[in-house]
PDB file of all heavy atoms in Angstrom:
ATOM      1  N   PRO A   1       6.155   4.971   5.108  1.00  0.00           N
ATOM      2  CA  PRO A   1       6.865   4.560   3.894  1.00  0.00           C
ATOM      3  C   PRO A   1       6.211   3.384   3.165  1.00  0.00           C
ATOM      4  O   PRO A   1       5.892   2.370   3.768  1.00  0.00           O
ATOM      5  CB  PRO A   1       8.252   4.159   4.418  1.00  0.00           C
ATOM      6  CG  PRO A   1       7.993   3.683   5.807  1.00  0.00           C
ATOM      7  CD  PRO A   1       6.852   4.542   6.323  1.00  0.00           C
ATOM      8  N   TRP A   2       6.006   3.555   1.880  1.00  0.00           N
ATOM      9  CA  TRP A   2       5.479   2.522   0.998  1.00  0.00           C
ATOM     10  C   TRP A   2       6.405   2.417  -0.208  1.00  0.00           C
ATOM     11  O   TRP A   2       7.224   3.314  -0.461  1.00  0.00           O
ATOM     12  CB  TRP A   2       4.075   2.887   0.522  1.00  0.00           C
ATOM     13  CG  TRP A   2       2.987   2.597   1.502  1.00  0.00           C
ATOM     14  CD1 TRP A   2       2.864   3.092   2.777  1.00  0.00           C
ATOM     15  CD2 TRP A   2       1.854   1.767   1.296  1.00  0.00           C
ATOM     16  NE1 TRP A   2       1.732   2.608   3.370  1.00  0.00           N
ATOM     17  CE2 TRP A   2       1.082   1.801   2.477  1.00  0.00           C
ATOM     18  CE3 TRP A   2       1.403   1.007   0.236  1.00  0.00           C
ATOM     19  CZ2 TRP A   2      -0.109   1.090   2.621  1.00  0.00           C
ATOM     20  CZ3 TRP A   2       0.217   0.307   0.374  1.00  0.00           C
ATOM     21  CH2 TRP A   2      -0.523   0.346   1.556  1.00  0.00           C
ATOM     22  N   LEU A   3       6.247   1.333  -0.972  1.00  0.00           N
ATOM     23  CA  LEU A   3       6.994   1.134  -2.210  1.00  0.00           C
ATOM     24  C   LEU A   3       5.997   0.877  -3.336  1.00  0.00           C
ATOM     25  O   LEU A   3       4.974   0.227  -3.137  1.00  0.00           O
ATOM     26  CB  LEU A   3       7.943  -0.053  -2.100  1.00  0.00           C
ATOM     27  CG  LEU A   3       9.081   0.080  -1.081  1.00  0.00           C
ATOM     28  CD1 LEU A   3       9.815  -1.248  -0.944  1.00  0.00           C
ATOM     29  CD2 LEU A   3      10.036   1.189  -1.488  1.00  0.00           C
ATOM     30  N   THR A   4       6.316   1.377  -4.528  1.00  0.00           N
ATOM     31  CA  THR A   4       5.535   1.113  -5.727  1.00  0.00           C
ATOM     32  C   THR A   4       6.350   0.208  -6.629  1.00  0.00           C
ATOM     33  O   THR A   4       7.482   0.541  -6.978  1.00  0.00           O
ATOM     34  CB  THR A   4       5.193   2.424  -6.472  1.00  0.00           C
ATOM     35  OG1 THR A   4       4.407   3.242  -5.613  1.00  0.00           O
ATOM     36  CG2 THR A   4       4.421   2.146  -7.760  1.00  0.00           C
ATOM     37  N   TYR A   5       5.785  -0.950  -6.969  1.00  0.00           N
ATOM     38  CA  TYR A   5       6.439  -1.920  -7.851  1.00  0.00           C
ATOM     39  C   TYR A   5       5.756  -1.840  -9.213  1.00  0.00           C
ATOM     40  O   TYR A   5       4.580  -2.176  -9.353  1.00  0.00           O
ATOM     41  CB  TYR A   5       6.301  -3.340  -7.290  1.00  0.00           C
ATOM     42  CG  TYR A   5       6.908  -3.499  -5.924  1.00  0.00           C
ATOM     43  CD1 TYR A   5       6.137  -3.342  -4.773  1.00  0.00           C
ATOM     44  CD2 TYR A   5       8.254  -3.825  -5.770  1.00  0.00           C
ATOM     45  CE1 TYR A   5       6.694  -3.496  -3.511  1.00  0.00           C
ATOM     46  CE2 TYR A   5       8.815  -3.981  -4.516  1.00  0.00           C
ATOM     47  CZ  TYR A   5       8.028  -3.818  -3.391  1.00  0.00           C
ATOM     48  OH  TYR A   5       8.580  -3.967  -2.149  1.00  0.00           O
ATOM     49  N   ASN A   6       6.495  -1.393 -10.209  1.00  0.00           N
ATOM     50  CA  ASN A   6       5.980  -1.239 -11.566  1.00  0.00           C
ATOM     51  C   ASN A   6       6.962  -1.925 -12.501  1.00  0.00           C
ATOM     52  O   ASN A   6       7.961  -1.329 -12.906  1.00  0.00           O
ATOM     53  CB  ASN A   6       5.817   0.240 -11.907  1.00  0.00           C
ATOM     54  CG  ASN A   6       5.168   0.454 -13.253  1.00  0.00           C
ATOM     55  OD1 ASN A   6       4.910  -0.489 -13.985  1.00  0.00           O
ATOM     56  ND2 ASN A   6       4.906   1.711 -13.567  1.00  0.00           N
ATOM     57  N   ASP A   7       6.703  -3.192 -12.808  1.00  0.00           N
ATOM     58  CA  ASP A   7       7.629  -4.032 -13.569  1.00  0.00           C
ATOM     59  C   ASP A   7       8.970  -4.061 -12.842  1.00  0.00           C
ATOM     60  O   ASP A   7       9.006  -4.389 -11.671  1.00  0.00           O
ATOM     61  CB  ASP A   7       7.744  -3.574 -15.017  1.00  0.00           C
ATOM     62  CG  ASP A   7       6.441  -3.782 -15.788  1.00  0.00           C
ATOM     63  OD1 ASP A   7       5.673  -4.694 -15.417  1.00  0.00           O
ATOM     64  OD2 ASP A   7       6.190  -3.037 -16.742  1.00  0.00           O
ATOM     65  N   ALA A   8      10.060  -3.683 -13.494  1.00  0.00           N
ATOM     66  CA  ALA A   8      11.383  -3.741 -12.867  1.00  0.00           C
ATOM     67  C   ALA A   8      11.689  -2.481 -12.058  1.00  0.00           C
ATOM     68  O   ALA A   8      12.723  -2.393 -11.404  1.00  0.00           O
ATOM     69  CB  ALA A   8      12.464  -3.938 -13.933  1.00  0.00           C
ATOM     70  N   GLN A   9      10.799  -1.514 -12.070  1.00  0.00           N
ATOM     71  CA  GLN A   9      11.027  -0.248 -11.376  1.00  0.00           C
ATOM     72  C   GLN A   9      10.380  -0.279  -9.987  1.00  0.00           C
ATOM     73  O   GLN A   9       9.203  -0.622  -9.839  1.00  0.00           O
ATOM     74  CB  GLN A   9      10.427   0.886 -12.199  1.00  0.00           C
ATOM     75  CG  GLN A   9      10.726   2.257 -11.674  1.00  0.00           C
ATOM     76  CD  GLN A   9      10.139   3.336 -12.576  1.00  0.00           C
ATOM     77  OE1 GLN A   9       9.088   3.138 -13.184  1.00  0.00           O
ATOM     78  NE2 GLN A   9      10.814   4.453 -12.660  1.00  0.00           N
ATOM     79  N   VAL A  10      11.155   0.088  -8.961  1.00  0.00           N
ATOM     80  CA  VAL A  10      10.653   0.176  -7.589  1.00  0.00           C
ATOM     81  C   VAL A  10      10.897   1.604  -7.109  1.00  0.00           C
ATOM     82  O   VAL A  10      12.025   2.083  -7.111  1.00  0.00           O
ATOM     83  CB  VAL A  10      11.367  -0.834  -6.652  1.00  0.00           C
ATOM     84  CG1 VAL A  10      10.837  -0.686  -5.229  1.00  0.00           C
ATOM     85  CG2 VAL A  10      11.190  -2.257  -7.156  1.00  0.00           C
ATOM     86  N   LEU A  11       9.822   2.268  -6.716  1.00  0.00           N
ATOM     87  CA  LEU A  11       9.903   3.665  -6.285  1.00  0.00           C
ATOM     88  C   LEU A  11       9.442   3.805  -4.839  1.00  0.00           C
ATOM     89  O   LEU A  11       8.518   3.125  -4.397  1.00  0.00           O
ATOM     90  CB  LEU A  11       9.012   4.543  -7.168  1.00  0.00           C
ATOM     91  CG  LEU A  11       9.291   4.508  -8.668  1.00  0.00           C
ATOM     92  CD1 LEU A  11       8.201   5.238  -9.422  1.00  0.00           C
ATOM     93  CD2 LEU A  11      10.650   5.126  -8.951  1.00  0.00           C
ATOM     94  N   HIS A  12      10.056   4.733  -4.123  1.00  0.00           N
ATOM     95  CA  HIS A  12       9.631   5.055  -2.758  1.00  0.00           C
ATOM     96  C   HIS A  12       8.455   6.027  -2.829  1.00  0.00           C
ATOM     97  O   HIS A  12       8.440   6.937  -3.651  1.00  0.00           O
ATOM     98  CB  HIS A  12      10.787   5.688  -1.975  1.00  0.00           C
ATOM     99  CG  HIS A  12      11.865   4.718  -1.660  1.00  0.00           C
ATOM    100  ND1 HIS A  12      11.901   3.989  -0.496  1.00  0.00           N
ATOM    101  CD2 HIS A  12      12.947   4.327  -2.372  1.00  0.00           C
ATOM    102  CE1 HIS A  12      12.944   3.205  -0.499  1.00  0.00           C
ATOM    103  NE2 HIS A  12      13.610   3.389  -1.629  1.00  0.00           N
ATOM    104  N   THR A  13       7.475   5.818  -1.967  1.00  0.00           N
ATOM    105  CA  THR A  13       6.310   6.690  -1.901  1.00  0.00           C
ATOM    106  C   THR A  13       5.774   6.668  -0.471  1.00  0.00           C
ATOM    107  O   THR A  13       6.446   6.165   0.435  1.00  0.00           O
ATOM    108  CB  THR A  13       5.244   6.256  -2.937  1.00  0.00           C
ATOM    109  OG1 THR A  13       4.194   7.228  -2.959  1.00  0.00           O
ATOM    110  CG2 THR A  13       4.684   4.887  -2.631  1.00  0.00           C
ATOM    111  N   THR A  14       4.597   7.203  -0.264  1.00  0.00           N
ATOM    112  CA  THR A  14       3.956   7.178   1.053  1.00  0.00           C
ATOM    113  C   THR A  14       2.562   6.573   0.921  1.00  0.00           C
ATOM    114  O   THR A  14       1.980   6.567  -0.168  1.00  0.00           O
ATOM    115  CB  THR A  14       3.814   8.588   1.651  1.00  0.00           C
ATOM    116  OG1 THR A  14       2.921   9.343   0.825  1.00  0.00           O
ATOM    117  CG2 THR A  14       5.156   9.284   1.777  1.00  0.00           C
ATOM    118  N   GLY A  15       2.040   6.083   2.016  1.00  0.00           N
ATOM    119  CA  GLY A  15       0.698   5.538   2.013  1.00  0.00           C
ATOM    120  C   GLY A  15      -0.325   6.569   1.591  1.00  0.00           C
ATOM    121  O   GLY A  15      -1.248   6.273   0.834  1.00  0.00           O
ATOM    122  N   CYS A  16      -0.153   7.790   2.039  1.00  0.00           N
ATOM    123  CA  CYS A  16      -1.083   8.868   1.688  1.00  0.00           C
ATOM    124  C   CYS A  16      -1.111   9.070   0.172  1.00  0.00           C
ATOM    125  O   CYS A  16      -2.184   9.176  -0.424  1.00  0.00           O
ATOM    126  CB  CYS A  16      -0.672  10.155   2.400  1.00  0.00           C
ATOM    127  SG  CYS A  16      -1.819  11.520   2.154  1.00  0.00           S
ATOM    128  N   ALA A  17       0.052   9.105  -0.457  1.00  0.00           N
ATOM    129  CA  ALA A  17       0.125   9.275  -1.913  1.00  0.00           C
ATOM    130  C   ALA A  17      -0.509   8.088  -2.632  1.00  0.00           C
ATOM    131  O   ALA A  17      -1.228   8.254  -3.622  1.00  0.00           O
ATOM    132  CB  ALA A  17       1.576   9.447  -2.351  1.00  0.00           C
ATOM    133  N   VAL A  18      -0.261   6.881  -2.130  1.00  0.00           N
ATOM    134  CA  VAL A  18      -0.834   5.675  -2.737  1.00  0.00           C
ATOM    135  C   VAL A  18      -2.357   5.734  -2.680  1.00  0.00           C
ATOM    136  O   VAL A  18      -3.033   5.490  -3.681  1.00  0.00           O
ATOM    137  CB  VAL A  18      -0.321   4.396  -2.026  1.00  0.00           C
ATOM    138  CG1 VAL A  18      -1.125   3.173  -2.462  1.00  0.00           C
ATOM    139  CG2 VAL A  18       1.161   4.186  -2.301  1.00  0.00           C
ATOM    140  N   PHE A  19      -2.924   6.055  -1.535  1.00  0.00           N
ATOM    141  CA  PHE A  19      -4.379   6.080  -1.387  1.00  0.00           C
ATOM    142  C   PHE A  19      -5.002   7.118  -2.312  1.00  0.00           C
ATOM    143  O   PHE A  19      -6.038   6.880  -2.914  1.00  0.00           O
ATOM    144  CB  PHE A  19      -4.785   6.349   0.056  1.00  0.00           C
ATOM    145  CG  PHE A  19      -4.180   5.372   1.015  1.00  0.00           C
ATOM    146  CD1 PHE A  19      -3.689   5.787   2.229  1.00  0.00           C
ATOM    147  CD2 PHE A  19      -4.080   4.022   0.701  1.00  0.00           C
ATOM    148  CE1 PHE A  19      -3.116   4.888   3.115  1.00  0.00           C
ATOM    149  CE2 PHE A  19      -3.508   3.110   1.575  1.00  0.00           C
ATOM    150  CZ  PHE A  19      -3.025   3.554   2.786  1.00  0.00           C
ATOM    151  N   GLU A  20      -4.351   8.271  -2.431  1.00  0.00           N
ATOM    152  CA  GLU A  20      -4.867   9.321  -3.293  1.00  0.00           C
ATOM    153  C   GLU A  20      -4.829   8.902  -4.764  1.00  0.00           C
ATOM    154  O   GLU A  20      -5.778   9.111  -5.506  1.00  0.00           O
ATOM    155  CB  GLU A  20      -4.061  10.607  -3.090  1.00  0.00           C
ATOM    156  CG  GLU A  20      -4.683  11.805  -3.767  1.00  0.00           C
ATOM    157  CD  GLU A  20      -3.984  13.086  -3.388  1.00  0.00           C
ATOM    158  OE1 GLU A  20      -3.854  13.356  -2.181  1.00  0.00           O
ATOM    159  OE2 GLU A  20      -3.568  13.802  -4.307  1.00  0.00           O
ATOM    160  N   GLU A  21      -3.727   8.275  -5.176  1.00  0.00           N
ATOM    161  CA  GLU A  21      -3.555   7.885  -6.574  1.00  0.00           C
ATOM    162  C   GLU A  21      -4.347   6.631  -6.946  1.00  0.00           C
ATOM    163  O   GLU A  21      -4.786   6.493  -8.083  1.00  0.00           O
ATOM    164  CB  GLU A  21      -2.073   7.625  -6.863  1.00  0.00           C
ATOM    165  CG  GLU A  21      -1.205   8.857  -6.754  1.00  0.00           C
ATOM    166  CD  GLU A  21       0.279   8.519  -6.767  1.00  0.00           C
ATOM    167  OE1 GLU A  21       0.639   7.373  -7.105  1.00  0.00           O
ATOM    168  OE2 GLU A  21       1.074   9.407  -6.424  1.00  0.00           O
ATOM    169  N   GLN A  22      -4.505   5.706  -6.023  1.00  0.00           N
ATOM    170  CA  GLN A  22      -5.066   4.395  -6.350  1.00  0.00           C
ATOM    171  C   GLN A  22      -6.535   4.220  -5.974  1.00  0.00           C
ATOM    172  O   GLN A  22      -7.091   3.146  -6.185  1.00  0.00           O
ATOM    173  CB  GLN A  22      -4.252   3.292  -5.650  1.00  0.00           C
ATOM    174  CG  GLN A  22      -2.776   3.351  -5.881  1.00  0.00           C
ATOM    175  CD  GLN A  22      -2.388   3.290  -7.347  1.00  0.00           C
ATOM    176  OE1 GLN A  22      -3.002   2.597  -8.136  1.00  0.00           O
ATOM    177  NE2 GLN A  22      -1.369   4.036  -7.709  1.00  0.00           N
ATOM    178  N   GLN A  23      -7.179   5.235  -5.455  1.00  0.00           N
ATOM    179  CA  GLN A  23      -8.532   5.043  -4.960  1.00  0.00           C
ATOM    180  C   GLN A  23      -9.536   4.618  -6.031  1.00  0.00           C
ATOM    181  O   GLN A  23     -10.543   3.986  -5.722  1.00  0.00           O
ATOM    182  CB  GLN A  23      -9.011   6.281  -4.216  1.00  0.00           C
ATOM    183  CG  GLN A  23      -9.107   7.536  -5.054  1.00  0.00           C
ATOM    184  CD  GLN A  23      -9.522   8.723  -4.222  1.00  0.00           C
ATOM    185  OE1 GLN A  23     -10.289   8.583  -3.275  1.00  0.00           O
ATOM    186  NE2 GLN A  23      -9.026   9.888  -4.566  1.00  0.00           N
ATOM    187  N   HIS A  24      -9.258   4.907  -7.302  1.00  0.00           N
ATOM    188  CA  HIS A  24     -10.182   4.510  -8.357  1.00  0.00           C
ATOM    189  C   HIS A  24      -9.693   3.324  -9.174  1.00  0.00           C
ATOM    190  O   HIS A  24     -10.427   2.798  -9.999  1.00  0.00           O
ATOM    191  CB  HIS A  24     -10.457   5.698  -9.286  1.00  0.00           C
ATOM    192  CG  HIS A  24     -11.068   6.857  -8.572  1.00  0.00           C
ATOM    193  ND1 HIS A  24     -12.341   6.829  -8.034  1.00  0.00           N
ATOM    194  CD2 HIS A  24     -10.571   8.075  -8.272  1.00  0.00           C
ATOM    195  CE1 HIS A  24     -12.601   7.971  -7.457  1.00  0.00           C
ATOM    196  NE2 HIS A  24     -11.548   8.753  -7.576  1.00  0.00           N
ATOM    197  N   SER A  25      -8.448   2.895  -8.959  1.00  0.00           N
ATOM    198  CA  SER A  25      -7.901   1.803  -9.764  1.00  0.00           C
ATOM    199  C   SER A  25      -7.551   0.568  -8.930  1.00  0.00           C
ATOM    200  O   SER A  25      -7.071  -0.416  -9.478  1.00  0.00           O
ATOM    201  CB  SER A  25      -6.658   2.284 -10.515  1.00  0.00           C
ATOM    202  OG  SER A  25      -5.680   2.718  -9.600  1.00  0.00           O
ATOM    203  N   ALA A  26      -7.783   0.617  -7.634  1.00  0.00           N
ATOM    204  CA  ALA A  26      -7.459  -0.532  -6.778  1.00  0.00           C
ATOM    205  C   ALA A  26      -8.253  -1.750  -7.220  1.00  0.00           C
ATOM    206  O   ALA A  26      -9.462  -1.686  -7.429  1.00  0.00           O
ATOM    207  CB  ALA A  26      -7.738  -0.206  -5.322  1.00  0.00           C
ATOM    208  N   TYR A  27      -7.552  -2.866  -7.380  1.00  0.00           N
ATOM    209  CA  TYR A  27      -8.163  -4.098  -7.869  1.00  0.00           C
ATOM    210  C   TYR A  27      -8.226  -5.151  -6.769  1.00  0.00           C
ATOM    211  O   TYR A  27      -9.239  -5.795  -6.575  1.00  0.00           O
ATOM    212  CB  TYR A  27      -7.350  -4.594  -9.068  1.00  0.00           C
ATOM    213  CG  TYR A  27      -7.887  -5.811  -9.759  1.00  0.00           C
ATOM    214  CD1 TYR A  27      -9.096  -5.766 -10.430  1.00  0.00           C
ATOM    215  CD2 TYR A  27      -7.185  -7.002  -9.740  1.00  0.00           C
ATOM    216  CE1 TYR A  27      -9.600  -6.877 -11.079  1.00  0.00           C
ATOM    217  CE2 TYR A  27      -7.678  -8.127 -10.388  1.00  0.00           C
ATOM    218  CZ  TYR A  27      -8.882  -8.061 -11.050  1.00  0.00           C
ATOM    219  OH  TYR A  27      -9.370  -9.167 -11.678  1.00  0.00           O
ATOM    220  N   ILE A  28      -7.125  -5.310  -6.036  1.00  0.00           N
ATOM    221  CA  ILE A  28      -7.050  -6.253  -4.919  1.00  0.00           C
ATOM    222  C   ILE A  28      -6.388  -5.550  -3.742  1.00  0.00           C
ATOM    223  O   ILE A  28      -5.352  -4.903  -3.907  1.00  0.00           O
ATOM    224  CB  ILE A  28      -6.239  -7.515  -5.287  1.00  0.00           C
ATOM    225  CG1 ILE A  28      -6.868  -8.234  -6.484  1.00  0.00           C
ATOM    226  CG2 ILE A  28      -6.156  -8.467  -4.085  1.00  0.00           C
ATOM    227  CD1 ILE A  28      -6.030  -9.385  -6.998  1.00  0.00           C
ATOM    228  N   LEU A  29      -6.971  -5.691  -2.564  1.00  0.00           N
ATOM    229  CA  LEU A  29      -6.411  -5.115  -1.338  1.00  0.00           C
ATOM    230  C   LEU A  29      -5.960  -6.246  -0.426  1.00  0.00           C
ATOM    231  O   LEU A  29      -6.677  -7.231  -0.264  1.00  0.00           O
ATOM    232  CB  LEU A  29      -7.447  -4.261  -0.610  1.00  0.00           C
ATOM    233  CG  LEU A  29      -8.095  -3.134  -1.406  1.00  0.00           C
ATOM    234  CD1 LEU A  29      -9.184  -2.466  -0.581  1.00  0.00           C
ATOM    235  CD2 LEU A  29      -7.069  -2.130  -1.857  1.00  0.00           C
ATOM    236  N   PHE A  30      -4.789  -6.097   0.167  1.00  0.00           N
ATOM    237  CA  PHE A  30      -4.268  -7.093   1.107  1.00  0.00           C
ATOM    238  C   PHE A  30      -4.186  -6.467   2.489  1.00  0.00           C
ATOM    239  O   PHE A  30      -3.630  -5.384   2.661  1.00  0.00           O
ATOM    240  CB  PHE A  30      -2.861  -7.556   0.696  1.00  0.00           C
ATOM    241  CG  PHE A  30      -2.845  -8.336  -0.577  1.00  0.00           C
ATOM    242  CD1 PHE A  30      -2.717  -7.690  -1.798  1.00  0.00           C
ATOM    243  CD2 PHE A  30      -2.966  -9.719  -0.565  1.00  0.00           C
ATOM    244  CE1 PHE A  30      -2.706  -8.408  -2.982  1.00  0.00           C
ATOM    245  CE2 PHE A  30      -2.958 -10.442  -1.743  1.00  0.00           C
ATOM    246  CZ  PHE A  30      -2.826  -9.781  -2.966  1.00  0.00           C
ATOM    247  N   TYR A  31      -4.746  -7.178   3.468  1.00  0.00           N
ATOM    248  CA  TYR A  31      -4.731  -6.718   4.845  1.00  0.00           C
ATOM    249  C   TYR A  31      -3.974  -7.705   5.715  1.00  0.00           C
ATOM    250  O   TYR A  31      -3.961  -8.901   5.448  1.00  0.00           O
ATOM    251  CB  TYR A  31      -6.165  -6.596   5.382  1.00  0.00           C
ATOM    252  CG  TYR A  31      -6.940  -5.460   4.788  1.00  0.00           C
ATOM    253  CD1 TYR A  31      -7.653  -5.613   3.604  1.00  0.00           C
ATOM    254  CD2 TYR A  31      -6.967  -4.221   5.415  1.00  0.00           C
ATOM    255  CE1 TYR A  31      -8.372  -4.571   3.057  1.00  0.00           C
ATOM    256  CE2 TYR A  31      -7.685  -3.172   4.871  1.00  0.00           C
ATOM    257  CZ  TYR A  31      -8.388  -3.356   3.689  1.00  0.00           C
ATOM    258  OH  TYR A  31      -9.090  -2.316   3.159  1.00  0.00           O
ATOM    259  N   LYS A  32      -3.379  -7.192   6.771  1.00  0.00           N
ATOM    260  CA  LYS A  32      -2.696  -8.020   7.765  1.00  0.00           C
ATOM    261  C   LYS A  32      -3.494  -7.925   9.058  1.00  0.00           C
ATOM    262  O   LYS A  32      -3.828  -6.834   9.513  1.00  0.00           O
ATOM    263  CB  LYS A  32      -1.277  -7.505   7.988  1.00  0.00           C
ATOM    264  CG  LYS A  32      -0.528  -8.197   9.100  1.00  0.00           C
ATOM    265  CD  LYS A  32       0.841  -7.527   9.262  1.00  0.00           C
ATOM    266  CE  LYS A  32       1.572  -8.063  10.437  1.00  0.00           C
ATOM    267  NZ  LYS A  32       1.181  -7.458  11.686  1.00  0.00           N
ATOM    268  N   ARG A  33      -3.811  -9.077   9.629  1.00  0.00           N
ATOM    269  CA  ARG A  33      -4.522  -9.078  10.911  1.00  0.00           C
ATOM    270  C   ARG A  33      -3.519  -8.810  12.020  1.00  0.00           C
ATOM    271  O   ARG A  33      -2.488  -9.466  12.120  1.00  0.00           O
ATOM    272  CB  ARG A  33      -5.230 -10.410  11.153  1.00  0.00           C
ATOM    273  CG  ARG A  33      -6.021 -10.390  12.432  1.00  0.00           C
ATOM    274  CD  ARG A  33      -6.716 -11.701  12.671  1.00  0.00           C
ATOM    275  NE  ARG A  33      -7.276 -11.672  13.997  1.00  0.00           N
ATOM    276  CZ  ARG A  33      -8.472 -12.116  14.302  1.00  0.00           C
ATOM    277  NH1 ARG A  33      -9.222 -12.652  13.375  1.00  0.00           N
ATOM    278  NH2 ARG A  33      -8.915 -12.056  15.527  1.00  0.00           N
ATOM    279  N   ASN A  34      -3.818  -7.841  12.853  1.00  0.00           N
ATOM    280  CA  ASN A  34      -2.958  -7.488  13.972  1.00  0.00           C
ATOM    281  C   ASN A  34      -3.471  -8.145  15.242  1.00  0.00           C
ATOM    282  O   ASN A  34      -4.675  -8.311  15.421  1.00  0.00           O
ATOM    283  CB  ASN A  34      -2.931  -5.967  14.170  1.00  0.00           C
ATOM    284  CG  ASN A  34      -2.408  -5.266  12.953  1.00  0.00           C
ATOM    285  OD1 ASN A  34      -1.362  -5.613  12.426  1.00  0.00           O
ATOM    286  ND2 ASN A  34      -3.153  -4.296  12.467  1.00  0.00           N
ATOM    287  N   ASP A  35      -2.571  -8.486  16.116  1.00  0.00           N
ATOM    288  CA  ASP A  35      -2.926  -9.045  17.408  1.00  0.00           C
ATOM    289  C   ASP A  35      -3.365  -7.889  18.299  1.00  0.00           C
ATOM    290  O   ASP A  35      -2.548  -7.131  18.800  1.00  0.00           O
ATOM    291  CB  ASP A  35      -1.723  -9.779  18.000  1.00  0.00           C
ATOM    292  CG  ASP A  35      -2.037 -10.448  19.314  1.00  0.00           C
ATOM    293  OD1 ASP A  35      -3.168 -10.316  19.804  1.00  0.00           O
ATOM    294  OD2 ASP A  35      -1.141 -11.110  19.854  1.00  0.00           O
ATOM    295  N   VAL A  36      -4.667  -7.730  18.467  1.00  0.00           N
ATOM    296  CA  VAL A  36      -5.224  -6.599  19.212  1.00  0.00           C
ATOM    297  C   VAL A  36      -4.719  -6.588  20.647  1.00  0.00           C
ATOM    298  O   VAL A  36      -4.338  -5.559  21.175  1.00  0.00           O
ATOM    299  CB  VAL A  36      -6.770  -6.616  19.186  1.00  0.00           C
ATOM    300  CG1 VAL A  36      -7.340  -5.505  20.035  1.00  0.00           C
ATOM    301  CG2 VAL A  36      -7.259  -6.513  17.758  1.00  0.00           C
ATOM    302  N   GLU A  37      -4.677  -7.750  21.285  1.00  0.00           N
ATOM    303  CA  GLU A  37      -4.238  -7.822  22.671  1.00  0.00           C
ATOM    304  C   GLU A  37      -2.781  -7.394  22.817  1.00  0.00           C
ATOM    305  O   GLU A  37      -2.425  -6.646  23.712  1.00  0.00           O
ATOM    306  CB  GLU A  37      -4.411  -9.249  23.191  1.00  0.00           C
ATOM    307  CG  GLU A  37      -4.531  -9.316  24.687  1.00  0.00           C
ATOM    308  CD  GLU A  37      -4.962 -10.694  25.133  1.00  0.00           C
ATOM    309  OE1 GLU A  37      -6.062 -11.114  24.773  1.00  0.00           O
ATOM    310  OE2 GLU A  37      -4.165 -11.318  25.848  1.00  0.00           O
ATOM    311  N   ALA A  38      -1.906  -7.833  21.890  1.00  0.00           N
ATOM    312  CA  ALA A  38      -0.497  -7.454  21.942  1.00  0.00           C
ATOM    313  C   ALA A  38      -0.336  -5.968  21.688  1.00  0.00           C
ATOM    314  O   ALA A  38       0.466  -5.301  22.326  1.00  0.00           O
ATOM    315  CB  ALA A  38       0.314  -8.262  20.932  1.00  0.00           C
ATOM    316  N   SER A  39      -1.129  -5.423  20.742  1.00  0.00           N
ATOM    317  CA  SER A  39      -1.064  -3.988  20.459  1.00  0.00           C
ATOM    318  C   SER A  39      -1.486  -3.189  21.679  1.00  0.00           C
ATOM    319  O   SER A  39      -0.875  -2.189  22.033  1.00  0.00           O
ATOM    320  CB  SER A  39      -1.970  -3.631  19.280  1.00  0.00           C
ATOM    321  OG  SER A  39      -1.515  -4.243  18.119  1.00  0.00           O
TER     322      SER A  39
END
């Protein structure tokens, strides 16, 4: 599950749909570092 924030509109989507739609327009990507040992 992912969310799309477009001004005041928030829509439910999926990561797969986001990657397909945004692969040519992505401007900034945010990553979270995971604790490998805990995982």
